[in-house]
Amino acid sequence: MNSALVTAVADRPRLRGVIHQWSAYVSVVAGIALVIGAGWLRGPGGAVACAVYAATVVGLFATSASYHRVAWKSLSAQVHMKRADHSMIFVFIAGTYTPFCLMGLPSPMRWWVLGIVWVGALAGVALKIAWPGAPRWLGVTLYILLGWVIIVVAPTLVAHVGWLVLILLAVGGVFYSVGGVLYALRWPNPWPTTFGHHEVFHVCTAIAALLHYIAVWLVVAA
């Protein structure tokens, strides 16, 4: 194993990736329940929309857990996993939009928003694959911009699914955004050997994902 890679793995806090590992387990069960519920209440279209969402949630947490928990045996493998980890964030953002667009917005607005977000996500994936060493601030900025596209259609979303959904989306978005900024700053770093700055970021994402999951259920039941 590359000596620099050995050092990097050894220096990781003991809880690195644990939060997302357990989030992946929970998201599998929660996702199955959501898809079944959406199929019952919203029919096949709702089930498909929620399946896309659930798959991206599981994909995000599972990829992150794999990247952070596994001691990859080569620098090349680690770089590939870093690409996958960072790319999944873009896919996850678009996946989260999917049920809100398809079940919470009228046509043709739903298709415009969904198209913009998925094209943006694919462009972000292309960037991460082509430039895995891109500055942190660039990736965080793109994540935040893509995540807040919903503001443009917020009044229409409220009219169709209510204020509580928008509030949950907004609070979750704040957790994602704050977590992203803290990730870029590598701060705070409370217990470097156990629970560091990256774990703070992962806590923010887990809380945000839970809030958005509740919001999806509200849309399904609306």
Protein backbone atom coordinates (compact mmCIF):
# COMPACT_ATOMS: atom_id res chain seq x y z
CA MET A 1 0.00 0.00 0.00
CA ASN A 2 1.24 3.51 -0.80
CA SER A 3 2.92 4.99 2.33
CA ALA A 4 1.00 8.26 2.03
CA LEU A 5 -2.23 6.29 1.81
CA VAL A 6 -1.33 4.25 4.89
CA THR A 7 -0.72 7.48 6.82
CA ALA A 8 -4.00 9.00 5.63
CA VAL A 9 -5.99 5.92 6.69
CA ALA A 10 -4.23 5.76 10.06
CA ASP A 11 -4.96 9.43 10.71
CA ARG A 12 -8.71 9.09 10.19
CA PRO A 13 -10.95 9.54 13.24
CA ARG A 14 -12.31 6.24 14.53
CA LEU A 15 -15.88 7.21 13.64
CA ARG A 16 -15.05 8.21 10.07
CA GLY A 17 -17.86 6.88 7.88
CA VAL A 18 -19.80 5.23 10.72
CA ILE A 19 -22.65 7.75 10.60
CA HIS A 20 -23.18 7.18 6.89
CA GLN A 21 -22.77 3.42 7.31
CA TRP A 22 -25.72 3.28 9.70
CA SER A 23 -27.61 5.82 7.62
CA ALA A 24 -27.27 3.44 4.67
CA TYR A 25 -28.77 0.57 6.67
CA VAL A 26 -31.68 2.70 7.87
CA SER A 27 -32.28 4.18 4.42
CA VAL A 28 -32.77 0.73 2.88
CA VAL A 29 -35.63 -0.07 5.26
CA ALA A 30 -37.05 3.46 5.13
CA GLY A 31 -36.84 3.50 1.34
CA ILE A 32 -38.71 0.22 0.96
CA ALA A 33 -41.46 1.47 3.27
CA LEU A 34 -41.72 4.71 1.31
CA VAL A 35 -41.98 3.01 -2.08
CA ILE A 36 -44.68 0.65 -0.81
CA GLY A 37 -46.58 3.55 0.75
CA ALA A 38 -46.27 5.68 -2.37
CA GLY A 39 -47.51 2.83 -4.54
CA TRP A 40 -50.52 2.39 -2.26
CA LEU A 41 -51.40 6.09 -2.02
CA ARG A 42 -50.15 7.46 -5.33
CA GLY A 43 -50.09 4.52 -7.69
CA PRO A 44 -47.25 3.37 -9.97
CA GLY A 45 -46.08 6.91 -10.77
CA GLY A 46 -45.62 7.76 -7.11
CA ALA A 47 -43.85 4.47 -6.47
CA VAL A 48 -41.39 5.10 -9.31
CA ALA A 49 -40.69 8.67 -8.16
CA CYS A 50 -40.02 7.47 -4.62
CA ALA A 51 -37.95 4.52 -5.85
CA VAL A 52 -35.63 6.91 -7.69
CA TYR A 53 -35.35 9.02 -4.55
CA ALA A 54 -34.79 6.02 -2.26
CA ALA A 55 -32.17 4.52 -4.56
CA THR A 56 -30.15 7.73 -4.58
CA VAL A 57 -30.35 8.05 -0.79
CA VAL A 58 -29.10 4.49 -0.31
CA GLY A 59 -26.49 5.05 -3.02
CA LEU A 60 -25.18 8.20 -1.36
CA PHE A 61 -24.81 6.74 2.12
CA ALA A 62 -23.51 3.35 0.95
CA THR A 63 -20.90 4.91 -1.34
CA SER A 64 -19.80 7.34 1.35
CA ALA A 65 -19.56 4.57 3.94
CA SER A 66 -17.53 2.39 1.56
CA TYR A 67 -15.16 5.23 0.71
CA HIS A 68 -14.59 6.27 4.31
CA ARG A 69 -14.70 2.91 6.12
CA VAL A 70 -12.65 0.71 3.77
CA ALA A 71 -8.85 0.85 3.80
CA TRP A 72 -8.33 0.90 0.03
CA LYS A 73 -5.15 -0.87 -0.97
CA SER A 74 -3.99 1.56 -3.64
CA LEU A 75 -4.06 5.27 -4.28
CA SER A 76 -5.83 4.58 -7.59
CA ALA A 77 -8.67 2.73 -5.86
CA GLN A 78 -9.01 5.53 -3.32
CA VAL A 79 -9.21 8.15 -6.08
CA HIS A 80 -11.90 6.13 -7.88
CA MET A 81 -13.93 5.90 -4.69
CA LYS A 82 -13.48 9.61 -4.05
CA ARG A 83 -14.89 10.29 -7.51
CA ALA A 84 -17.84 8.01 -6.80
CA ASP A 85 -18.45 9.52 -3.36
CA HIS A 86 -18.45 13.12 -4.57
CA SER A 87 -20.41 12.29 -7.73
CA MET A 88 -23.15 10.59 -5.74
CA ILE A 89 -23.88 13.87 -3.96
CA PHE A 90 -25.00 15.38 -7.27
CA VAL A 91 -27.08 12.30 -8.12
CA PHE A 92 -28.58 12.36 -4.63
CA ILE A 93 -29.61 16.01 -4.97
CA ALA A 94 -31.40 15.27 -8.25
CA GLY A 95 -32.94 12.14 -6.77
CA THR A 96 -34.30 14.13 -3.85
CA TYR A 97 -35.95 16.59 -6.24
CA THR A 98 -37.68 13.80 -8.15
CA PRO A 99 -40.66 13.03 -5.86
CA PHE A 100 -41.24 16.71 -5.08
CA CYS A 101 -41.30 17.61 -8.77
CA LEU A 102 -43.41 14.67 -9.94
CA MET A 103 -45.93 14.74 -7.09
CA GLY A 104 -45.77 18.35 -5.91
CA LEU A 105 -45.58 20.48 -9.04
CA PRO A 106 -47.92 20.83 -12.02
CA SER A 107 -46.97 20.01 -15.60
CA PRO A 108 -45.00 21.35 -17.49
CA MET A 109 -43.20 23.06 -14.57
CA ARG A 110 -42.32 19.70 -13.00
CA TRP A 111 -40.49 18.60 -16.15
CA TRP A 112 -38.56 21.87 -16.51
CA VAL A 113 -37.34 21.78 -12.92
CA LEU A 114 -36.57 18.07 -13.04
CA GLY A 115 -34.70 18.49 -16.32
CA ILE A 116 -32.62 21.41 -15.04
CA VAL A 117 -31.69 19.58 -11.85
CA TRP A 118 -30.79 16.28 -13.51
CA VAL A 119 -28.77 17.98 -16.25
CA GLY A 120 -26.98 19.98 -13.56
CA ALA A 121 -26.34 16.80 -11.58
CA LEU A 122 -24.90 14.98 -14.59
CA ALA A 123 -22.68 17.99 -15.34
CA GLY A 124 -21.48 17.88 -11.73
CA VAL A 125 -20.72 14.17 -12.02
CA ALA A 126 -18.73 14.83 -15.19
CA LEU A 127 -16.75 17.52 -13.36
CA LYS A 128 -15.97 15.23 -10.43
CA ILE A 129 -14.86 12.40 -12.71
CA ALA A 130 -12.69 14.65 -14.86
CA TRP A 131 -11.27 16.68 -11.98
CA PRO A 132 -11.24 14.66 -8.74
CA GLY A 133 -8.79 17.10 -7.16
CA ALA A 134 -11.00 20.15 -7.71
CA PRO A 135 -10.99 22.69 -4.85
CA ARG A 136 -13.45 21.95 -2.07
CA TRP A 137 -15.09 25.35 -2.40
CA LEU A 138 -15.99 24.66 -6.05
CA GLY A 139 -17.79 21.40 -5.32
CA VAL A 140 -19.57 22.83 -2.29
CA THR A 141 -20.71 25.88 -4.26
CA LEU A 142 -22.16 23.69 -7.02
CA TYR A 143 -23.91 21.42 -4.50
CA ILE A 144 -25.52 24.38 -2.76
CA LEU A 145 -26.60 26.12 -5.98
CA LEU A 146 -28.19 22.95 -7.34
CA GLY A 147 -29.83 22.19 -4.02
CA TRP A 148 -31.55 25.57 -3.78
CA VAL A 149 -33.11 25.62 -7.26
CA ILE A 150 -36.34 24.80 -5.44
CA ILE A 151 -36.62 28.44 -4.32
CA VAL A 152 -37.72 29.42 -7.82
CA VAL A 153 -40.85 27.25 -7.62
CA ALA A 154 -41.46 27.48 -3.86
CA PRO A 155 -44.82 29.33 -4.13
CA THR A 156 -46.21 26.71 -6.51
CA LEU A 157 -44.96 23.87 -4.33
CA VAL A 158 -46.63 25.40 -1.26
CA ALA A 159 -49.90 25.79 -3.16
CA HIS A 160 -49.92 22.08 -3.98
CA VAL A 161 -48.47 20.41 -0.87
CA GLY A 162 -48.52 23.02 1.91
CA TRP A 163 -46.14 25.06 4.02
CA LEU A 164 -44.87 22.24 6.23
CA VAL A 165 -43.24 20.52 3.26
CA LEU A 166 -41.46 23.72 2.28
CA ILE A 167 -40.34 24.35 5.87
CA LEU A 168 -38.88 20.84 6.12
CA LEU A 169 -37.16 21.29 2.77
CA ALA A 170 -35.75 24.65 3.83
CA VAL A 171 -34.50 23.48 7.22
CA GLY A 172 -32.99 20.38 5.63
CA GLY A 173 -31.41 22.58 2.98
CA VAL A 174 -29.88 24.76 5.70
CA PHE A 175 -28.35 21.68 7.34
CA TYR A 176 -26.92 20.54 4.00
CA SER A 177 -25.59 24.02 3.22
CA VAL A 178 -24.08 24.62 6.65
CA GLY A 179 -22.58 21.14 6.59
CA GLY A 180 -21.10 21.84 3.17
CA VAL A 181 -19.53 25.09 4.33
CA LEU A 182 -18.09 23.41 7.43
CA TYR A 183 -16.75 20.64 5.19
CA ALA A 184 -15.00 23.22 3.02
CA LEU A 185 -13.57 24.96 6.10
CA ARG A 186 -12.61 21.68 7.82
CA TRP A 187 -14.12 23.15 10.99
CA PRO A 188 -15.00 22.49 13.76
CA ASN A 189 -12.71 19.59 14.59
CA PRO A 190 -13.89 18.67 18.11
CA TRP A 191 -12.18 15.31 18.79
CA PRO A 192 -9.67 14.71 15.95
CA THR A 193 -8.92 11.09 16.80
CA THR A 194 -12.57 10.07 17.21
CA PHE A 195 -15.03 12.61 15.84
CA GLY A 196 -13.55 15.26 13.57
CA HIS A 197 -14.70 17.95 11.16
CA HIS A 198 -15.83 15.41 8.58
CA GLU A 199 -18.07 13.69 11.11
CA VAL A 200 -19.72 17.05 11.82
CA PHE A 201 -20.46 17.29 8.10
CA HIS A 202 -21.88 13.75 8.06
CA VAL A 203 -24.16 14.50 11.03
CA CYS A 204 -25.53 17.53 9.16
CA THR A 205 -26.25 15.43 6.07
CA ALA A 206 -27.96 12.68 8.09
CA ILE A 207 -30.24 15.19 9.84
CA ALA A 208 -31.06 16.91 6.55
CA ALA A 209 -31.82 13.60 4.84
CA LEU A 210 -34.22 12.67 7.65
CA LEU A 211 -36.07 15.99 7.35
CA HIS A 212 -36.41 15.58 3.59
CA TYR A 213 -37.58 11.99 4.01
CA ILE A 214 -40.40 13.21 6.25
CA ALA A 215 -41.22 15.87 3.66
CA VAL A 216 -41.47 13.22 0.93
CA TRP A 217 -43.94 11.27 3.05
CA LEU A 218 -46.05 14.41 3.46
CA VAL A 219 -46.11 14.87 -0.31
CA VAL A 220 -47.06 11.23 -0.80
CA ALA A 221 -49.91 11.60 1.68
CA ALA A 222 -51.07 15.01 0.38
